[in-house]
Amino acid sequence: MEVSKNLVRCCFFYDFKVGLSVAASSSGICQALGDRTVNECIARHCLKIFRSGDLSLCDELSSGRPYALDYKALPAAIQEDNSLTCGEFAK
């Protein structure tokens, strides 16, 4: 079963509010949602964010360059600029 990050974050928020430890929180979430849902490192990070005062339940956009690829425009771009393919090296 695929578990959303927002669901896991809500579980961590609840555990934070009731005062569970990192180990108890990650153990409980794994017991409820699956053995490999989270680990203690993820729990520690998430609970640290809540302790710092950031109580938002939505993931913030990560910093760094956004990944965007227009799959519909890609074939036209390749046709327009043949150097984008390996065809040049095969000759």
PDB file of N, CA and C in Angstrom:
ATOM      1  N   MET A   1       0.846  -1.177   0.000  1.00  0.00           N
ATOM      2  CA  MET A   1       0.000   0.000   0.000  1.00  0.00           C
ATOM      3  C   MET A   1       0.894   1.244   0.000  1.00  0.00           C
ATOM      4  N   GLU A   2       0.642   2.124  -0.924  1.00  0.00           N
ATOM      5  CA  GLU A   2       1.385   3.388  -1.004  1.00  0.00           C
ATOM      6  C   GLU A   2       0.772   4.373  -0.011  1.00  0.00           C
ATOM      7  N   VAL A   3       1.597   4.910   0.847  1.00  0.00           N
ATOM      8  CA  VAL A   3       1.143   5.832   1.880  1.00  0.00           C
ATOM      9  C   VAL A   3       1.633   7.231   1.525  1.00  0.00           C
ATOM     10  N   SER A   4       0.731   8.208   1.572  1.00  0.00           N
ATOM     11  CA  SER A   4       1.116   9.571   1.207  1.00  0.00           C
ATOM     12  C   SER A   4       1.962  10.201   2.310  1.00  0.00           C
ATOM     13  N   LYS A   5       2.830  11.112   1.893  1.00  0.00           N
ATOM     14  CA  LYS A   5       3.676  11.834   2.843  1.00  0.00           C
ATOM     15  C   LYS A   5       2.833  12.676   3.792  1.00  0.00           C
ATOM     16  N   ASN A   6       1.726  13.217   3.280  1.00  0.00           N
ATOM     17  CA  ASN A   6       0.876  14.049   4.140  1.00  0.00           C
ATOM     18  C   ASN A   6       0.225  13.225   5.243  1.00  0.00           C
ATOM     19  N   LEU A   7      -0.161  11.975   4.940  1.00  0.00           N
ATOM     20  CA  LEU A   7      -0.732  11.110   5.965  1.00  0.00           C
ATOM     21  C   LEU A   7       0.300  10.830   7.053  1.00  0.00           C
ATOM     22  N   VAL A   8       1.513  10.502   6.647  1.00  0.00           N
ATOM     23  CA  VAL A   8       2.581  10.226   7.605  1.00  0.00           C
ATOM     24  C   VAL A   8       2.872  11.476   8.438  1.00  0.00           C
ATOM     25  N   ARG A   9       2.882  12.632   7.796  1.00  0.00           N
ATOM     26  CA  ARG A   9       3.143  13.884   8.519  1.00  0.00           C
ATOM     27  C   ARG A   9       2.052  14.140   9.563  1.00  0.00           C
ATOM     28  N   CYS A  10       0.806  13.840   9.220  1.00  0.00           N
ATOM     29  CA  CYS A  10      -0.293  13.995  10.179  1.00  0.00           C
ATOM     30  C   CYS A  10      -0.122  13.041  11.359  1.00  0.00           C
ATOM     31  N   CYS A  11       0.331  11.825  11.079  1.00  0.00           N
ATOM     32  CA  CYS A  11       0.597  10.862  12.163  1.00  0.00           C
ATOM     33  C   CYS A  11       1.699  11.389  13.076  1.00  0.00           C
ATOM     34  N   PHE A  12       2.763  11.923  12.487  1.00  0.00           N
ATOM     35  CA  PHE A  12       3.839  12.498  13.287  1.00  0.00           C
ATOM     36  C   PHE A  12       3.340  13.678  14.112  1.00  0.00           C
ATOM     37  N   PHE A  13       2.474  14.492  13.525  1.00  0.00           N
ATOM     38  CA  PHE A  13       1.936  15.649  14.244  1.00  0.00           C
ATOM     39  C   PHE A  13       1.160  15.194  15.477  1.00  0.00           C
ATOM     40  N   TYR A  14       0.336  14.164  15.306  1.00  0.00           N
ATOM     41  CA  TYR A  14      -0.421  13.626  16.436  1.00  0.00           C
ATOM     42  C   TYR A  14       0.539  13.115  17.510  1.00  0.00           C
ATOM     43  N   ASP A  15       1.525  12.334  17.083  1.00  0.00           N
ATOM     44  CA  ASP A  15       2.502  11.794  18.035  1.00  0.00           C
ATOM     45  C   ASP A  15       3.255  12.915  18.758  1.00  0.00           C
ATOM     46  N   PHE A  16       3.571  13.981  18.027  1.00  0.00           N
ATOM     47  CA  PHE A  16       4.242  15.137  18.630  1.00  0.00           C
ATOM     48  C   PHE A  16       3.357  15.762  19.702  1.00  0.00           C
ATOM     49  N   LYS A  17       2.075  15.942  19.378  1.00  0.00           N
ATOM     50  CA  LYS A  17       1.154  16.588  20.302  1.00  0.00           C
ATOM     51  C   LYS A  17       0.929  15.765  21.571  1.00  0.00           C
ATOM     52  N   VAL A  18       0.958  14.431  21.450  1.00  0.00           N
ATOM     53  CA  VAL A  18       0.755  13.600  22.649  1.00  0.00           C
ATOM     54  C   VAL A  18       2.062  13.294  23.362  1.00  0.00           C
ATOM     55  N   GLY A  19       3.191  13.749  22.791  1.00  0.00           N
ATOM     56  CA  GLY A  19       4.468  13.645  23.468  1.00  0.00           C
ATOM     57  C   GLY A  19       5.204  12.329  23.305  1.00  0.00           C
ATOM     58  N   LEU A  20       4.944  11.605  22.215  1.00  0.00           N
ATOM     59  CA  LEU A  20       5.663  10.357  22.002  1.00  0.00           C
ATOM     60  C   LEU A  20       7.116  10.609  21.626  1.00  0.00           C
ATOM     61  N   SER A  21       7.958   9.673  21.966  1.00  0.00           N
ATOM     62  CA  SER A  21       9.372   9.761  21.593  1.00  0.00           C
ATOM     63  C   SER A  21       9.531   9.427  20.116  1.00  0.00           C
ATOM     64  N   VAL A  22      10.717   9.689  19.588  1.00  0.00           N
ATOM     65  CA  VAL A  22      11.020   9.374  18.189  1.00  0.00           C
ATOM     66  C   VAL A  22      10.831   7.880  17.931  1.00  0.00           C
ATOM     67  N   ALA A  23      11.381   7.061  18.814  1.00  0.00           N
ATOM     68  CA  ALA A  23      11.295   5.609  18.632  1.00  0.00           C
ATOM     69  C   ALA A  23       9.851   5.123  18.696  1.00  0.00           C
ATOM     70  N   ALA A  24       9.094   5.621  19.661  1.00  0.00           N
ATOM     71  CA  ALA A  24       7.700   5.201  19.797  1.00  0.00           C
ATOM     72  C   ALA A  24       6.874   5.666  18.610  1.00  0.00           C
ATOM     73  N   SER A  25       7.137   6.870  18.139  1.00  0.00           N
ATOM     74  CA  SER A  25       6.401   7.406  17.001  1.00  0.00           C
ATOM     75  C   SER A  25       6.657   6.597  15.744  1.00  0.00           C
ATOM     76  N   SER A  26       7.922   6.377  15.405  1.00  0.00           N
ATOM     77  CA  SER A  26       8.232   5.629  14.182  1.00  0.00           C
ATOM     78  C   SER A  26       7.750   4.190  14.285  1.00  0.00           C
ATOM     79  N   SER A  27       7.860   3.597  15.455  1.00  0.00           N
ATOM     80  CA  SER A  27       7.398   2.225  15.656  1.00  0.00           C
ATOM     81  C   SER A  27       5.884   2.123  15.471  1.00  0.00           C
ATOM     82  N   GLY A  28       5.155   3.046  16.050  1.00  0.00           N
ATOM     83  CA  GLY A  28       3.696   3.034  15.942  1.00  0.00           C
ATOM     84  C   GLY A  28       3.212   3.248  14.515  1.00  0.00           C
ATOM     85  N   ILE A  29       3.864   4.163  13.800  1.00  0.00           N
ATOM     86  CA  ILE A  29       3.474   4.422  12.414  1.00  0.00           C
ATOM     87  C   ILE A  29       3.757   3.201  11.548  1.00  0.00           C
ATOM     88  N   CYS A  30       4.904   2.579  11.765  1.00  0.00           N
ATOM     89  CA  CYS A  30       5.231   1.372  10.994  1.00  0.00           C
ATOM     90  C   CYS A  30       4.277   0.231  11.325  1.00  0.00           C
ATOM     91  N   GLN A  31       3.873   0.125  12.561  1.00  0.00           N
ATOM     92  CA  GLN A  31       2.935  -0.920  12.954  1.00  0.00           C
ATOM     93  C   GLN A  31       1.584  -0.693  12.276  1.00  0.00           C
ATOM     94  N   ALA A  32       1.161   0.550  12.180  1.00  0.00           N
ATOM     95  CA  ALA A  32      -0.146   0.862  11.604  1.00  0.00           C
ATOM     96  C   ALA A  32      -0.143   0.867  10.080  1.00  0.00           C
ATOM     97  N   LEU A  33       0.933   1.374   9.462  1.00  0.00           N
ATOM     98  CA  LEU A  33       0.918   1.610   8.021  1.00  0.00           C
ATOM     99  C   LEU A  33       1.854   0.711   7.218  1.00  0.00           C
ATOM    100  N   GLY A  34       2.676  -0.075   7.891  1.00  0.00           N
ATOM    101  CA  GLY A  34       3.594  -0.958   7.183  1.00  0.00           C
ATOM    102  C   GLY A  34       5.007  -0.804   7.688  1.00  0.00           C
ATOM    103  N   ASP A  35       5.722  -1.927   7.729  1.00  0.00           N
ATOM    104  CA  ASP A  35       7.055  -1.963   8.340  1.00  0.00           C
ATOM    105  C   ASP A  35       8.052  -0.963   7.759  1.00  0.00           C
ATOM    106  N   ARG A  36       7.967  -0.663   6.496  1.00  0.00           N
ATOM    107  CA  ARG A  36       8.961   0.213   5.870  1.00  0.00           C
ATOM    108  C   ARG A  36       8.426   1.613   5.569  1.00  0.00           C
ATOM    109  N   THR A  37       7.385   2.003   6.276  1.00  0.00           N
ATOM    110  CA  THR A  37       6.792   3.318   6.025  1.00  0.00           C
ATOM    111  C   THR A  37       7.737   4.448   6.401  1.00  0.00           C
ATOM    112  N   VAL A  38       8.320   4.389   7.590  1.00  0.00           N
ATOM    113  CA  VAL A  38       9.259   5.412   8.067  1.00  0.00           C
ATOM    114  C   VAL A  38      10.363   4.735   8.858  1.00  0.00           C
ATOM    115  N   ASN A  39      11.410   5.487   9.130  1.00  0.00           N
ATOM    116  CA  ASN A  39      12.452   5.009  10.038  1.00  0.00           C
ATOM    117  C   ASN A  39      12.688   6.093  11.088  1.00  0.00           C
ATOM    118  N   GLU A  40      13.530   5.803  12.048  1.00  0.00           N
ATOM    119  CA  GLU A  40      13.741   6.763  13.140  1.00  0.00           C
ATOM    120  C   GLU A  40      14.382   8.059  12.668  1.00  0.00           C
ATOM    121  N   CYS A  41      15.187   7.996  11.623  1.00  0.00           N
ATOM    122  CA  CYS A  41      15.821   9.212  11.095  1.00  0.00           C
ATOM    123  C   CYS A  41      14.754  10.169  10.553  1.00  0.00           C
ATOM    124  N   ILE A  42      13.788   9.632   9.819  1.00  0.00           N
ATOM    125  CA  ILE A  42      12.702  10.454   9.287  1.00  0.00           C
ATOM    126  C   ILE A  42      11.864  11.000  10.435  1.00  0.00           C
ATOM    127  N   ALA A  43      11.568  10.144  11.415  1.00  0.00           N
ATOM    128  CA  ALA A  43      10.781  10.583  12.572  1.00  0.00           C
ATOM    129  C   ALA A  43      11.497  11.708  13.312  1.00  0.00           C
ATOM    130  N   ARG A  44      12.788  11.552  13.517  1.00  0.00           N
ATOM    131  CA  ARG A  44      13.575  12.566  14.229  1.00  0.00           C
ATOM    132  C   ARG A  44      13.504  13.903  13.494  1.00  0.00           C
ATOM    133  N   HIS A  45      13.657  13.855  12.169  1.00  0.00           N
ATOM    134  CA  HIS A  45      13.624  15.075  11.357  1.00  0.00           C
ATOM    135  C   HIS A  45      12.255  15.748  11.439  1.00  0.00           C
ATOM    136  N   CYS A  46      11.216  14.963  11.276  1.00  0.00           N
ATOM    137  CA  CYS A  46       9.863  15.524  11.265  1.00  0.00           C
ATOM    138  C   CYS A  46       9.498  16.101  12.630  1.00  0.00           C
ATOM    139  N   LEU A  47       9.794  15.379  13.688  1.00  0.00           N
ATOM    140  CA  LEU A  47       9.478  15.877  15.026  1.00  0.00           C
ATOM    141  C   LEU A  47      10.314  17.108  15.378  1.00  0.00           C
ATOM    142  N   LYS A  48      11.530  17.173  14.856  1.00  0.00           N
ATOM    143  CA  LYS A  48      12.375  18.350  15.070  1.00  0.00           C
ATOM    144  C   LYS A  48      11.735  19.586  14.427  1.00  0.00           C
ATOM    145  N   ILE A  49      11.172  19.406  13.248  1.00  0.00           N
ATOM    146  CA  ILE A  49      10.495  20.518  12.568  1.00  0.00           C
ATOM    147  C   ILE A  49       9.322  21.014  13.402  1.00  0.00           C
ATOM    148  N   PHE A  50       8.534  20.082  13.946  1.00  0.00           N
ATOM    149  CA  PHE A  50       7.404  20.484  14.790  1.00  0.00           C
ATOM    150  C   PHE A  50       7.890  21.186  16.058  1.00  0.00           C
ATOM    151  N   ARG A  51       8.960  20.696  16.672  1.00  0.00           N
ATOM    152  CA  ARG A  51       9.494  21.334  17.884  1.00  0.00           C
ATOM    153  C   ARG A  51      10.003  22.743  17.604  1.00  0.00           C
ATOM    154  N   SER A  52      10.461  22.978  16.366  1.00  0.00           N
ATOM    155  CA  SER A  52      10.965  24.309  16.020  1.00  0.00           C
ATOM    156  C   SER A  52       9.844  25.330  15.843  1.00  0.00           C
ATOM    157  N   GLY A  53       8.595  24.850  15.844  1.00  0.00           N
ATOM    158  CA  GLY A  53       7.467  25.766  15.721  1.00  0.00           C
ATOM    159  C   GLY A  53       6.744  25.685  14.400  1.00  0.00           C
ATOM    160  N   ASP A  54       7.293  24.960  13.436  1.00  0.00           N
ATOM    161  CA  ASP A  54       6.628  24.800  12.141  1.00  0.00           C
ATOM    162  C   ASP A  54       5.621  23.664  12.264  1.00  0.00           C
ATOM    163  N   LEU A  55       4.358  24.009  12.459  1.00  0.00           N
ATOM    164  CA  LEU A  55       3.324  23.012  12.662  1.00  0.00           C
ATOM    165  C   LEU A  55       2.491  22.766  11.408  1.00  0.00           C
ATOM    166  N   SER A  56       3.014  23.157  10.255  1.00  0.00           N
ATOM    167  CA  SER A  56       2.272  22.956   9.015  1.00  0.00           C
ATOM    168  C   SER A  56       2.222  21.467   8.684  1.00  0.00           C
ATOM    169  N   LEU A  57       1.114  21.045   8.125  1.00  0.00           N
ATOM    170  CA  LEU A  57       0.934  19.638   7.780  1.00  0.00           C
ATOM    171  C   LEU A  57       1.189  19.367   6.311  1.00  0.00           C
ATOM    172  N   CYS A  58       1.515  20.392   5.551  1.00  0.00           N
ATOM    173  CA  CYS A  58       1.792  20.215   4.124  1.00  0.00           C
ATOM    174  C   CYS A  58       3.291  20.319   3.889  1.00  0.00           C
ATOM    175  N   ASP A  59       3.781  19.487   2.986  1.00  0.00           N
ATOM    176  CA  ASP A  59       5.187  19.569   2.609  1.00  0.00           C
ATOM    177  C   ASP A  59       5.435  20.871   1.883  1.00  0.00           C
ATOM    178  N   GLU A  60       6.467  21.560   2.273  1.00  0.00           N
ATOM    179  CA  GLU A  60       6.871  22.767   1.567  1.00  0.00           C
ATOM    180  C   GLU A  60       7.625  22.353   0.309  1.00  0.00           C
ATOM    181  N   LEU A  61       7.575  23.196  -0.699  1.00  0.00           N
ATOM    182  CA  LEU A  61       8.364  22.923  -1.890  1.00  0.00           C
ATOM    183  C   LEU A  61       9.834  22.955  -1.506  1.00  0.00           C
ATOM    184  N   SER A  62      10.567  21.996  -1.993  1.00  0.00           N
ATOM    185  CA  SER A  62      11.985  21.950  -1.640  1.00  0.00           C
ATOM    186  C   SER A  62      12.736  23.042  -2.378  1.00  0.00           C
ATOM    187  N   SER A  63      13.805  23.494  -1.759  1.00  0.00           N
ATOM    188  CA  SER A  63      14.606  24.513  -2.410  1.00  0.00           C
ATOM    189  C   SER A  63      15.411  23.859  -3.520  1.00  0.00           C
ATOM    190  N   GLY A  64      15.924  24.645  -4.366  1.00  0.00           N
ATOM    191  CA  GLY A  64      16.680  24.097  -5.481  1.00  0.00           C
ATOM    192  C   GLY A  64      15.930  24.300  -6.779  1.00  0.00           C
ATOM    193  N   ARG A  65      16.559  23.878  -7.819  1.00  0.00           N
ATOM    194  CA  ARG A  65      16.000  24.076  -9.145  1.00  0.00           C
ATOM    195  C   ARG A  65      14.799  23.164  -9.362  1.00  0.00           C
ATOM    196  N   PRO A  66      13.675  23.736  -9.782  1.00  0.00           N
ATOM    197  CA  PRO A  66      12.497  22.906 -10.021  1.00  0.00           C
ATOM    198  C   PRO A  66      12.706  22.013 -11.245  1.00  0.00           C
ATOM    199  N   TYR A  67      12.163  20.835 -11.179  1.00  0.00           N
ATOM    200  CA  TYR A  67      12.270  19.892 -12.283  1.00  0.00           C
ATOM    201  C   TYR A  67      11.013  20.007 -13.113  1.00  0.00           C
ATOM    202  N   ALA A  68      11.162  20.444 -14.332  1.00  0.00           N
ATOM    203  CA  ALA A  68      10.011  20.582 -15.210  1.00  0.00           C
ATOM    204  C   ALA A  68      10.391  20.130 -16.602  1.00  0.00           C
ATOM    205  N   LEU A  69       9.609  19.239 -17.139  1.00  0.00           N
ATOM    206  CA  LEU A  69       9.850  18.745 -18.483  1.00  0.00           C
ATOM    207  C   LEU A  69       8.520  18.663 -19.193  1.00  0.00           C
ATOM    208  N   ASP A  70       8.418  19.312 -20.311  1.00  0.00           N
ATOM    209  CA  ASP A  70       7.196  19.285 -21.100  1.00  0.00           C
ATOM    210  C   ASP A  70       7.301  18.115 -22.071  1.00  0.00           C
ATOM    211  N   TYR A  71       6.702  16.991 -21.696  1.00  0.00           N
ATOM    212  CA  TYR A  71       6.800  15.780 -22.504  1.00  0.00           C
ATOM    213  C   TYR A  71       6.144  15.928 -23.868  1.00  0.00           C
ATOM    214  N   LYS A  72       5.163  16.800 -23.991  1.00  0.00           N
ATOM    215  CA  LYS A  72       4.505  17.006 -25.282  1.00  0.00           C
ATOM    216  C   LYS A  72       5.396  17.789 -26.235  1.00  0.00           C
ATOM    217  N   ALA A  73       6.219  18.700 -25.688  1.00  0.00           N
ATOM    218  CA  ALA A  73       7.082  19.516 -26.530  1.00  0.00           C
ATOM    219  C   ALA A  73       8.421  18.838 -26.821  1.00  0.00           C
ATOM    220  N   LEU A  74       8.748  17.778 -26.103  1.00  0.00           N
ATOM    221  CA  LEU A  74      10.049  17.131 -26.256  1.00  0.00           C
ATOM    222  C   LEU A  74      10.306  16.586 -27.660  1.00  0.00           C
ATOM    223  N   PRO A  75       9.389  15.837 -28.277  1.00  0.00           N
ATOM    224  CA  PRO A  75       9.665  15.333 -29.628  1.00  0.00           C
ATOM    225  C   PRO A  75       9.931  16.451 -30.651  1.00  0.00           C
ATOM    226  N   ALA A  76       9.191  17.540 -30.539  1.00  0.00           N
ATOM    227  CA  ALA A  76       9.393  18.660 -31.453  1.00  0.00           C
ATOM    228  C   ALA A  76      10.771  19.288 -31.232  1.00  0.00           C
ATOM    229  N   ALA A  77      11.191  19.386 -29.984  1.00  0.00           N
ATOM    230  CA  ALA A  77      12.501  19.962 -29.681  1.00  0.00           C
ATOM    231  C   ALA A  77      13.616  19.068 -30.219  1.00  0.00           C
ATOM    232  N   ILE A  78      13.431  17.777 -30.138  1.00  0.00           N
ATOM    233  CA  ILE A  78      14.444  16.848 -30.654  1.00  0.00           C
ATOM    234  C   ILE A  78      14.518  16.933 -32.176  1.00  0.00           C
ATOM    235  N   GLN A  79      13.374  17.027 -32.825  1.00  0.00           N
ATOM    236  CA  GLN A  79      13.359  17.170 -34.273  1.00  0.00           C
ATOM    237  C   GLN A  79      14.033  18.467 -34.706  1.00  0.00           C
ATOM    238  N   GLU A  80      13.801  19.518 -33.930  1.00  0.00           N
ATOM    239  CA  GLU A  80      14.352  20.829 -34.255  1.00  0.00           C
ATOM    240  C   GLU A  80      15.864  20.862 -34.060  1.00  0.00           C
ATOM    241  N   ASP A  81      16.362  20.229 -33.010  1.00  0.00           N
ATOM    242  CA  ASP A  81      17.786  20.255 -32.702  1.00  0.00           C
ATOM    243  C   ASP A  81      18.284  18.819 -32.585  1.00  0.00           C
ATOM    244  N   ASN A  82      18.798  18.280 -33.653  1.00  0.00           N
ATOM    245  CA  ASN A  82      19.222  16.881 -33.711  1.00  0.00           C
ATOM    246  C   ASN A  82      20.417  16.599 -32.802  1.00  0.00           C
ATOM    247  N   SER A  83      21.096  17.628 -32.298  1.00  0.00           N
ATOM    248  CA  SER A  83      22.241  17.405 -31.415  1.00  0.00           C
ATOM    249  C   SER A  83      21.808  16.894 -30.047  1.00  0.00           C
ATOM    250  N   LEU A  84      20.490  16.933 -29.767  1.00  0.00           N
ATOM    251  CA  LEU A  84      19.984  16.438 -28.489  1.00  0.00           C
ATOM    252  C   LEU A  84      19.887  14.919 -28.449  1.00  0.00           C
ATOM    253  N   THR A  85      20.142  14.262 -29.571  1.00  0.00           N
ATOM    254  CA  THR A  85      20.048  12.800 -29.614  1.00  0.00           C
ATOM    255  C   THR A  85      21.427  12.193 -29.734  1.00  0.00           C
ATOM    256  N   CYS A  86      21.500  10.904 -29.577  1.00  0.00           N
ATOM    257  CA  CYS A  86      22.765  10.184 -29.714  1.00  0.00           C
ATOM    258  C   CYS A  86      23.070   9.927 -31.183  1.00  0.00           C
ATOM    259  N   GLY A  87      22.163  10.282 -32.075  1.00  0.00           N
ATOM    260  CA  GLY A  87      22.353  10.020 -33.502  1.00  0.00           C
ATOM    261  C   GLY A  87      23.627  10.633 -34.057  1.00  0.00           C
ATOM    262  N   GLU A  88      24.040  11.768 -33.533  1.00  0.00           N
ATOM    263  CA  GLU A  88      25.266  12.424 -34.002  1.00  0.00           C
ATOM    264  C   GLU A  88      26.510  11.559 -33.736  1.00  0.00           C
ATOM    265  N   PHE A  89      26.498  10.842 -32.617  1.00  0.00           N
ATOM    266  CA  PHE A  89      27.650  10.056 -32.234  1.00  0.00           C
ATOM    267  C   PHE A  89      27.699   8.710 -32.961  1.00  0.00           C
ATOM    268  N   ALA A  90      26.561   8.269 -33.452  1.00  0.00           N
ATOM    269  CA  ALA A  90      26.497   6.972 -34.110  1.00  0.00           C
ATOM    270  C   ALA A  90      27.054   7.025 -35.525  1.00  0.00           C
ATOM    271  N   LYS A  91      27.181   8.209 -36.103  1.00  0.00           N
ATOM    272  CA  LYS A  91      27.644   8.340 -37.496  1.00  0.00           C
ATOM    273  C   LYS A  91      29.101   8.080 -37.630  1.00  0.00           C
TER     274      LYS A  91
END
